[in-house]
Amino acid sequence: MTTSMSNSPTPASELDKSWLLLKYTFGLVPIVAGLDKFTNLLTDWSHYLSPQVVELLPFSASAFMMIVGVIEIVAGILVLVKTEIGAYIVSAWLVCIALTLIVSMNYVDVAVRDIVMAIGAFTLARLTRLRVTKP
């Protein structure tokens, strides 16, 4: 039994598949999470706000989360259309969320997950630059 090397995926094609997976993940997940800020089907997002933050808000926690939702939707769309800058924005956004959770000592497990996701979004941004500038 012989196998043809021409049917084997190239490293470049495998990198492209991985890049696309990251692009659609970090594009669509923020959009879905942002939309859910208006419906709370996945969770009641206002529970993630520390009581100190809620006290400082000039409006309700749910109104604040809707603003957050709009930001997340825009960030997700940016990843899909301007991948490098969008991925850097999503990465920074996730770090900010994680720091907020760590400072309030609430949902530290979610903060750790968000840091890991931020690293993934940062990696997508870096891969995008390499992909755009390759010879």
N, C-alpha and C. Protein backbone atom coordinates (compact mmCIF):
# COMPACT_ATOMS: atom_id res chain seq x y z
N MET A 1 0.85 -1.17 0.00
CA MET A 1 0.00 0.00 0.00
C MET A 1 0.89 1.23 0.00
N THR A 2 0.70 2.07 -0.97
CA THR A 2 1.50 3.29 -1.05
C THR A 2 0.59 4.49 -0.85
N THR A 3 1.18 5.49 -0.26
CA THR A 3 0.42 6.73 -0.06
C THR A 3 1.11 7.84 -0.83
N SER A 4 0.33 8.70 -1.34
CA SER A 4 0.86 9.83 -2.11
C SER A 4 1.07 11.02 -1.20
N MET A 5 2.22 11.63 -1.29
CA MET A 5 2.52 12.81 -0.50
C MET A 5 1.68 14.00 -0.94
N SER A 6 1.18 13.98 -2.17
CA SER A 6 0.40 15.12 -2.67
C SER A 6 -0.93 15.26 -1.95
N ASN A 7 -1.41 14.17 -1.34
CA ASN A 7 -2.67 14.24 -0.61
C ASN A 7 -2.49 14.70 0.83
N SER A 8 -1.26 14.77 1.30
CA SER A 8 -1.00 15.19 2.66
C SER A 8 -1.17 16.69 2.78
N PRO A 9 -1.78 17.12 3.86
CA PRO A 9 -1.93 18.57 4.04
C PRO A 9 -0.56 19.21 4.27
N THR A 10 -0.39 20.38 3.73
CA THR A 10 0.86 21.11 3.92
C THR A 10 0.81 21.85 5.26
N PRO A 11 1.97 22.15 5.82
CA PRO A 11 1.96 22.95 7.06
C PRO A 11 1.21 24.27 6.88
N ALA A 12 1.35 24.89 5.72
CA ALA A 12 0.67 26.16 5.48
C ALA A 12 -0.85 25.99 5.49
N SER A 13 -1.34 24.91 4.87
CA SER A 13 -2.79 24.70 4.85
C SER A 13 -3.32 24.37 6.24
N GLU A 14 -2.54 23.65 7.03
CA GLU A 14 -2.95 23.36 8.41
C GLU A 14 -2.97 24.64 9.25
N LEU A 15 -1.98 25.52 9.04
CA LEU A 15 -1.98 26.80 9.74
C LEU A 15 -3.18 27.65 9.33
N ASP A 16 -3.53 27.63 8.05
CA ASP A 16 -4.69 28.38 7.59
C ASP A 16 -5.97 27.87 8.24
N LYS A 17 -6.10 26.56 8.37
CA LYS A 17 -7.28 25.99 9.03
C LYS A 17 -7.35 26.42 10.49
N SER A 18 -6.21 26.39 11.17
CA SER A 18 -6.17 26.81 12.57
C SER A 18 -6.48 28.29 12.71
N TRP A 19 -5.95 29.09 11.79
CA TRP A 19 -6.21 30.53 11.80
C TRP A 19 -7.71 30.79 11.61
N LEU A 20 -8.32 30.10 10.66
CA LEU A 20 -9.76 30.28 10.43
C LEU A 20 -10.58 29.88 11.65
N LEU A 21 -10.19 28.79 12.29
CA LEU A 21 -10.91 28.36 13.49
C LEU A 21 -10.83 29.43 14.58
N LEU A 22 -9.64 29.98 14.79
CA LEU A 22 -9.48 31.06 15.77
C LEU A 22 -10.27 32.30 15.37
N LYS A 23 -10.21 32.65 14.10
CA LYS A 23 -10.91 33.85 13.62
C LYS A 23 -12.41 33.74 13.87
N TYR A 24 -13.00 32.61 13.50
CA TYR A 24 -14.44 32.47 13.68
C TYR A 24 -14.82 32.31 15.15
N THR A 25 -13.96 31.68 15.93
CA THR A 25 -14.23 31.56 17.37
C THR A 25 -14.24 32.93 18.04
N PHE A 26 -13.17 33.72 17.80
CA PHE A 26 -13.06 35.02 18.46
C PHE A 26 -13.88 36.09 17.76
N GLY A 27 -14.47 35.77 16.62
CA GLY A 27 -15.43 36.66 15.99
C GLY A 27 -16.85 36.37 16.45
N LEU A 28 -17.23 35.11 16.43
CA LEU A 28 -18.62 34.76 16.73
C LEU A 28 -18.94 34.71 18.22
N VAL A 29 -18.01 34.24 19.05
CA VAL A 29 -18.31 34.13 20.49
C VAL A 29 -18.60 35.50 21.11
N PRO A 30 -17.80 36.55 20.84
CA PRO A 30 -18.16 37.85 21.40
C PRO A 30 -19.51 38.37 20.88
N ILE A 31 -19.82 38.08 19.63
CA ILE A 31 -21.11 38.51 19.09
C ILE A 31 -22.25 37.81 19.83
N VAL A 32 -22.13 36.50 20.02
CA VAL A 32 -23.17 35.75 20.74
C VAL A 32 -23.27 36.23 22.19
N ALA A 33 -22.12 36.39 22.86
CA ALA A 33 -22.14 36.86 24.25
C ALA A 33 -22.72 38.27 24.32
N GLY A 34 -22.36 39.12 23.35
CA GLY A 34 -22.90 40.48 23.32
C GLY A 34 -24.40 40.49 23.14
N LEU A 35 -24.90 39.68 22.22
CA LEU A 35 -26.35 39.60 22.02
C LEU A 35 -27.05 39.08 23.27
N ASP A 36 -26.39 38.15 23.96
CA ASP A 36 -27.01 37.59 25.16
C ASP A 36 -27.10 38.61 26.30
N LYS A 37 -26.34 39.68 26.24
CA LYS A 37 -26.45 40.73 27.26
C LYS A 37 -27.83 41.37 27.22
N PHE A 38 -28.53 41.22 26.09
CA PHE A 38 -29.88 41.77 25.95
C PHE A 38 -30.96 40.76 26.33
N THR A 39 -30.62 39.47 26.34
CA THR A 39 -31.64 38.44 26.58
C THR A 39 -31.41 37.65 27.87
N ASN A 40 -30.15 37.57 28.31
CA ASN A 40 -29.79 36.79 29.49
C ASN A 40 -30.23 35.33 29.39
N LEU A 41 -30.17 34.77 28.19
CA LEU A 41 -30.52 33.36 28.02
C LEU A 41 -29.41 32.45 28.55
N LEU A 42 -28.16 32.84 28.34
CA LEU A 42 -27.04 32.01 28.79
C LEU A 42 -26.81 32.14 30.30
N THR A 43 -26.93 33.35 30.80
CA THR A 43 -26.75 33.63 32.22
C THR A 43 -27.25 35.04 32.52
N ASP A 44 -27.40 35.35 33.78
CA ASP A 44 -27.71 36.72 34.18
C ASP A 44 -26.38 37.45 34.34
N TRP A 45 -25.99 38.18 33.31
CA TRP A 45 -24.67 38.79 33.24
C TRP A 45 -24.42 39.80 34.34
N SER A 46 -25.46 40.41 34.87
CA SER A 46 -25.25 41.43 35.91
C SER A 46 -24.66 40.83 37.19
N HIS A 47 -24.77 39.52 37.36
CA HIS A 47 -24.17 38.87 38.53
C HIS A 47 -22.65 38.95 38.52
N TYR A 48 -22.07 39.17 37.35
CA TYR A 48 -20.62 39.24 37.24
C TYR A 48 -20.07 40.60 37.65
N LEU A 49 -20.93 41.56 37.85
CA LEU A 49 -20.50 42.89 38.28
C LEU A 49 -20.31 42.91 39.80
N SER A 50 -19.22 43.50 40.24
CA SER A 50 -19.00 43.61 41.67
C SER A 50 -19.98 44.65 42.24
N PRO A 51 -20.40 44.47 43.47
CA PRO A 51 -21.32 45.43 44.08
C PRO A 51 -20.75 46.87 44.09
N GLN A 52 -19.43 46.99 44.20
CA GLN A 52 -18.81 48.32 44.19
C GLN A 52 -19.01 49.01 42.84
N VAL A 53 -18.89 48.25 41.78
CA VAL A 53 -19.10 48.82 40.44
C VAL A 53 -20.56 49.21 40.27
N VAL A 54 -21.47 48.36 40.69
CA VAL A 54 -22.90 48.64 40.55
C VAL A 54 -23.26 49.93 41.28
N GLU A 55 -22.67 50.16 42.46
CA GLU A 55 -22.95 51.38 43.22
C GLU A 55 -22.49 52.63 42.49
N LEU A 56 -21.43 52.52 41.69
CA LEU A 56 -20.89 53.68 40.97
C LEU A 56 -21.65 54.00 39.68
N LEU A 57 -22.43 53.05 39.19
CA LEU A 57 -23.11 53.24 37.91
C LEU A 57 -24.24 54.26 38.02
N PRO A 58 -24.36 55.15 37.03
CA PRO A 58 -25.47 56.10 37.03
C PRO A 58 -26.76 55.51 36.45
N PHE A 59 -26.72 54.21 36.13
CA PHE A 59 -27.88 53.51 35.58
C PHE A 59 -27.86 52.08 36.09
N SER A 60 -28.84 51.31 35.71
CA SER A 60 -28.96 49.94 36.22
C SER A 60 -27.84 49.04 35.72
N ALA A 61 -27.62 47.95 36.44
CA ALA A 61 -26.62 46.97 36.03
C ALA A 61 -26.98 46.36 34.69
N SER A 62 -28.27 46.13 34.45
CA SER A 62 -28.66 45.53 33.17
C SER A 62 -28.42 46.51 32.02
N ALA A 63 -28.62 47.80 32.24
CA ALA A 63 -28.31 48.80 31.20
C ALA A 63 -26.81 48.81 30.91
N PHE A 64 -26.00 48.72 31.96
CA PHE A 64 -24.55 48.66 31.78
C PHE A 64 -24.16 47.43 30.97
N MET A 65 -24.77 46.30 31.28
CA MET A 65 -24.44 45.07 30.56
C MET A 65 -24.86 45.16 29.09
N MET A 66 -25.92 45.90 28.79
CA MET A 66 -26.31 46.10 27.39
C MET A 66 -25.25 46.92 26.66
N ILE A 67 -24.69 47.92 27.34
CA ILE A 67 -23.59 48.70 26.74
C ILE A 67 -22.41 47.77 26.48
N VAL A 68 -22.10 46.93 27.46
CA VAL A 68 -21.03 45.94 27.30
C VAL A 68 -21.34 45.04 26.10
N GLY A 69 -22.59 44.65 25.97
CA GLY A 69 -23.00 43.79 24.86
C GLY A 69 -22.73 44.43 23.51
N VAL A 70 -23.03 45.72 23.38
CA VAL A 70 -22.77 46.43 22.12
C VAL A 70 -21.28 46.43 21.83
N ILE A 71 -20.46 46.69 22.84
CA ILE A 71 -19.01 46.68 22.67
C ILE A 71 -18.53 45.31 22.21
N GLU A 72 -19.06 44.25 22.81
CA GLU A 72 -18.66 42.90 22.43
C GLU A 72 -19.08 42.56 21.00
N ILE A 73 -20.27 42.99 20.61
CA ILE A 73 -20.73 42.75 19.24
C ILE A 73 -19.81 43.45 18.25
N VAL A 74 -19.48 44.69 18.51
CA VAL A 74 -18.59 45.45 17.63
C VAL A 74 -17.21 44.78 17.57
N ALA A 75 -16.70 44.36 18.72
CA ALA A 75 -15.39 43.69 18.76
C ALA A 75 -15.41 42.40 17.94
N GLY A 76 -16.46 41.62 18.07
CA GLY A 76 -16.58 40.39 17.30
C GLY A 76 -16.64 40.64 15.80
N ILE A 77 -17.39 41.66 15.41
CA ILE A 77 -17.47 42.01 13.98
C ILE A 77 -16.10 42.46 13.49
N LEU A 78 -15.39 43.23 14.31
CA LEU A 78 -14.04 43.66 13.93
C LEU A 78 -13.12 42.47 13.69
N VAL A 79 -13.22 41.44 14.53
CA VAL A 79 -12.39 40.25 14.32
C VAL A 79 -12.70 39.64 12.96
N LEU A 80 -13.95 39.64 12.57
CA LEU A 80 -14.33 39.02 11.30
C LEU A 80 -13.91 39.84 10.09
N VAL A 81 -13.86 41.18 10.21
CA VAL A 81 -13.56 42.00 9.04
C VAL A 81 -12.15 42.61 9.07
N LYS A 82 -11.62 42.88 10.22
CA LYS A 82 -10.25 43.43 10.40
C LYS A 82 -9.61 42.60 11.50
N THR A 83 -9.23 41.39 11.14
CA THR A 83 -8.89 40.37 12.12
C THR A 83 -7.80 40.79 13.09
N GLU A 84 -6.72 41.35 12.61
CA GLU A 84 -5.62 41.66 13.52
C GLU A 84 -6.03 42.66 14.60
N ILE A 85 -6.55 43.80 14.20
CA ILE A 85 -6.94 44.82 15.19
C ILE A 85 -8.09 44.31 16.06
N GLY A 86 -9.03 43.62 15.46
CA GLY A 86 -10.15 43.07 16.23
C GLY A 86 -9.70 42.08 17.28
N ALA A 87 -8.74 41.23 16.92
CA ALA A 87 -8.23 40.23 17.87
C ALA A 87 -7.48 40.90 19.02
N TYR A 88 -6.72 41.96 18.72
CA TYR A 88 -6.05 42.70 19.80
C TYR A 88 -7.09 43.33 20.73
N ILE A 89 -8.16 43.87 20.17
CA ILE A 89 -9.21 44.49 20.99
C ILE A 89 -9.90 43.44 21.86
N VAL A 90 -10.24 42.30 21.28
CA VAL A 90 -10.87 41.23 22.05
C VAL A 90 -9.93 40.75 23.16
N SER A 91 -8.66 40.62 22.85
CA SER A 91 -7.68 40.20 23.85
C SER A 91 -7.64 41.20 25.01
N ALA A 92 -7.54 42.47 24.69
CA ALA A 92 -7.49 43.51 25.74
C ALA A 92 -8.79 43.52 26.54
N TRP A 93 -9.91 43.38 25.87
CA TRP A 93 -11.22 43.36 26.54
C TRP A 93 -11.29 42.20 27.54
N LEU A 94 -10.84 41.03 27.12
CA LEU A 94 -10.86 39.86 28.00
C LEU A 94 -9.94 40.05 29.21
N VAL A 95 -8.78 40.68 29.00
CA VAL A 95 -7.88 40.96 30.13
C VAL A 95 -8.55 41.93 31.10
N CYS A 96 -9.22 42.95 30.58
CA CYS A 96 -9.93 43.91 31.45
C CYS A 96 -11.02 43.21 32.27
N ILE A 97 -11.77 42.35 31.63
CA ILE A 97 -12.81 41.60 32.34
C ILE A 97 -12.17 40.75 33.44
N ALA A 98 -11.09 40.04 33.09
CA ALA A 98 -10.41 39.18 34.07
C ALA A 98 -9.89 40.00 35.24
N LEU A 99 -9.28 41.14 34.97
CA LEU A 99 -8.76 41.97 36.06
C LEU A 99 -9.87 42.47 36.96
N THR A 100 -10.99 42.83 36.37
CA THR A 100 -12.15 43.27 37.17
C THR A 100 -12.62 42.15 38.09
N LEU A 101 -12.69 40.95 37.56
CA LEU A 101 -13.13 39.81 38.37
C LEU A 101 -12.11 39.48 39.46
N ILE A 102 -10.83 39.58 39.14
CA ILE A 102 -9.79 39.28 40.13
C ILE A 102 -9.80 40.31 41.24
N VAL A 103 -9.90 41.59 40.89
CA VAL A 103 -9.91 42.65 41.91
C VAL A 103 -11.09 42.49 42.85
N SER A 104 -12.24 42.10 42.31
CA SER A 104 -13.42 41.93 43.17
C SER A 104 -13.43 40.58 43.89
N MET A 105 -12.47 39.70 43.51
CA MET A 105 -12.39 38.35 44.07
C MET A 105 -13.68 37.55 43.88
N ASN A 106 -14.38 37.88 42.81
CA ASN A 106 -15.57 37.13 42.41
C ASN A 106 -15.27 36.40 41.11
N TYR A 107 -15.75 35.18 41.00
CA TYR A 107 -15.63 34.42 39.77
C TYR A 107 -14.18 34.36 39.27
N VAL A 108 -13.25 34.06 40.17
CA VAL A 108 -11.84 33.98 39.80
C VAL A 108 -11.62 32.88 38.76
N ASP A 109 -12.40 31.83 38.82
CA ASP A 109 -12.29 30.77 37.81
C ASP A 109 -12.62 31.30 36.42
N VAL A 110 -13.60 32.17 36.34
CA VAL A 110 -13.96 32.78 35.06
C VAL A 110 -12.83 33.73 34.62
N ALA A 111 -12.22 34.41 35.57
CA ALA A 111 -11.10 35.31 35.25
C ALA A 111 -9.95 34.52 34.63
N VAL A 112 -9.64 33.38 35.19
CA VAL A 112 -8.57 32.54 34.64
C VAL A 112 -8.93 32.10 33.23
N ARG A 113 -10.15 31.70 33.02
CA ARG A 113 -10.60 31.30 31.68
C ARG A 113 -10.49 32.47 30.71
N ASP A 114 -10.86 33.66 31.16
CA ASP A 114 -10.79 34.83 30.29
C ASP A 114 -9.34 35.18 29.93
N ILE A 115 -8.42 34.98 30.86
CA ILE A 115 -7.00 35.22 30.55
C ILE A 115 -6.52 34.23 29.49
N VAL A 116 -6.92 32.99 29.62
CA VAL A 116 -6.54 31.98 28.61
C VAL A 116 -7.13 32.36 27.26
N MET A 117 -8.38 32.80 27.24
CA MET A 117 -9.00 33.21 25.98
C MET A 117 -8.30 34.45 25.43
N ALA A 118 -7.87 35.36 26.30
CA ALA A 118 -7.14 36.55 25.84
C ALA A 118 -5.84 36.16 25.16
N ILE A 119 -5.17 35.16 25.69
CA ILE A 119 -3.94 34.67 25.07
C ILE A 119 -4.26 34.10 23.68
N GLY A 120 -5.36 33.39 23.57
CA GLY A 120 -5.77 32.86 22.27
C GLY A 120 -6.07 33.97 21.27
N ALA A 121 -6.76 35.01 21.70
CA ALA A 121 -7.07 36.14 20.81
C ALA A 121 -5.79 36.88 20.42
N PHE A 122 -4.88 37.04 21.36
CA PHE A 122 -3.59 37.67 21.07
C PHE A 122 -2.82 36.84 20.04
N THR A 123 -2.86 35.53 20.20
CA THR A 123 -2.20 34.63 19.25
C THR A 123 -2.82 34.79 17.86
N LEU A 124 -4.13 34.91 17.79
CA LEU A 124 -4.79 35.13 16.50
C LEU A 124 -4.29 36.42 15.86
N ALA A 125 -4.16 37.48 16.63
CA ALA A 125 -3.66 38.75 16.08
C ALA A 125 -2.26 38.59 15.53
N ARG A 126 -1.40 37.93 16.28
CA ARG A 126 -0.01 37.71 15.84
C ARG A 126 0.04 36.83 14.59
N LEU A 127 -0.75 35.77 14.56
CA LEU A 127 -0.79 34.90 13.37
C LEU A 127 -1.30 35.65 12.16
N THR A 128 -2.25 36.56 12.37
CA THR A 128 -2.79 37.34 11.27
C THR A 128 -1.70 38.21 10.66
N ARG A 129 -0.90 38.84 11.51
CA ARG A 129 0.20 39.66 10.98
C ARG A 129 1.16 38.80 10.16
N LEU A 130 1.50 37.62 10.67
CA LEU A 130 2.41 36.73 9.93
C LEU A 130 1.79 36.28 8.62
N ARG A 131 0.51 36.01 8.66
CA ARG A 131 -0.20 35.53 7.49
C ARG A 131 -0.27 36.61 6.40
N VAL A 132 -0.45 37.85 6.82
CA VAL A 132 -0.56 38.96 5.87
C VAL A 132 0.81 39.31 5.27
N THR A 133 1.86 39.17 6.06
CA THR A 133 3.18 39.60 5.60
C THR A 133 4.02 38.47 5.03
N LYS A 134 3.48 37.25 4.94
CA LYS A 134 4.29 36.15 4.40
C LYS A 134 4.57 36.39 2.92
N PRO A 135 5.76 35.95 2.46
CA PRO A 135 6.16 36.20 1.07
C PRO A 135 5.29 35.49 0.06
